[in-house]
Amino acid sequence: MKIASFNINGIKARLPALLQWLEESKPDVALLQEIKSVDENFPREPIEDLGYIVETHGQKGFNGVAILSRFPLEDVTRGLPGDDTDEQARWIEATVIGDKGVVRVCGLYLPNGNPAPGPKYDYKLGWMKRLQARAEALMEAEEPALMAGDYNIIPQPEDCWDTAPWEKDALFLPESRAAFRRIVNLGFTEALRARTDAPMTYTFWDYQAGAWHKNHGIRIDHFLLTPQCADRLIDCQIDREVRGREKPSDHVPIWVELDI
């Protein structure tokens, strides 16, 4: 089973690019972030025409996450537990019923947190505490599960073209990286790093200052797998070439292949 994550940066603006990638890459499941659309306005039909079930958790103009699946979905849940007052659409999860078993997939769009310090950074760290609680529950279930999406975290210096511009950024601050490590250290496998330690394996290039052409990228889109899921990991790759196409997102897809 091929499961991908893609911050699409606006489903309406990127729909042709998304459809092209879906037809070429053929993921069985795609977790989307930043759809920037309410549920009722999401362009379901052309995606469903490619054979996907579509589940969304949208928000007007901001955020928003979705699951596209060629396999049946059960127990679809929207919103990260732990704060009933949080209205930001940043979390969706479901159980995918595969040919050889099931996997719980959690799609996330973690807050950016800038400017830091400030209320937005406080919200980021608070959200990550709730994420850790959900991660602990997934580990306790002892079942194949993964959390994937735009984490807005640069885990290590090698995940950035140059750390100097990012030292005071919420994506690279020590508190942000420590919160990410606490989650990983619960026993999760970071899928890409389980497959390669190569530098310059980026998933994001800013639209400004010729970042793509200079390869001034960062790696902020991640797959975290429970041990039961990691045991089934076959591969993890980044579809880097998508960034060079017409009207691209500033992110590119990252995907895993699982024996499920």
Foldseek 3Di string as FASTA:
>chain_A
DKEKEEAFQACVLCVVLVLVCCVVVVGQKYKYKFNQDPPVPHPVVVLVVVQWDKDWDHDHRGIIMIMTHNFDWADKDWDQPDDPPDPHGFKIWTWGQDPVGIEIEMEGDQQQQPPPPDDSVVVRLVVLVSVLVVLLVVQVVVAKYKYWYQNLAQQDCLQFPHCVVPDNGSNYDPSSNVSVVVSLVVAWDWAQVVADPDGLQFFFADPPDCRLVVSRGGHRITMIIHPNFVVFWDHKHWPSCSCVDPSGDRGTMIMTDGPD
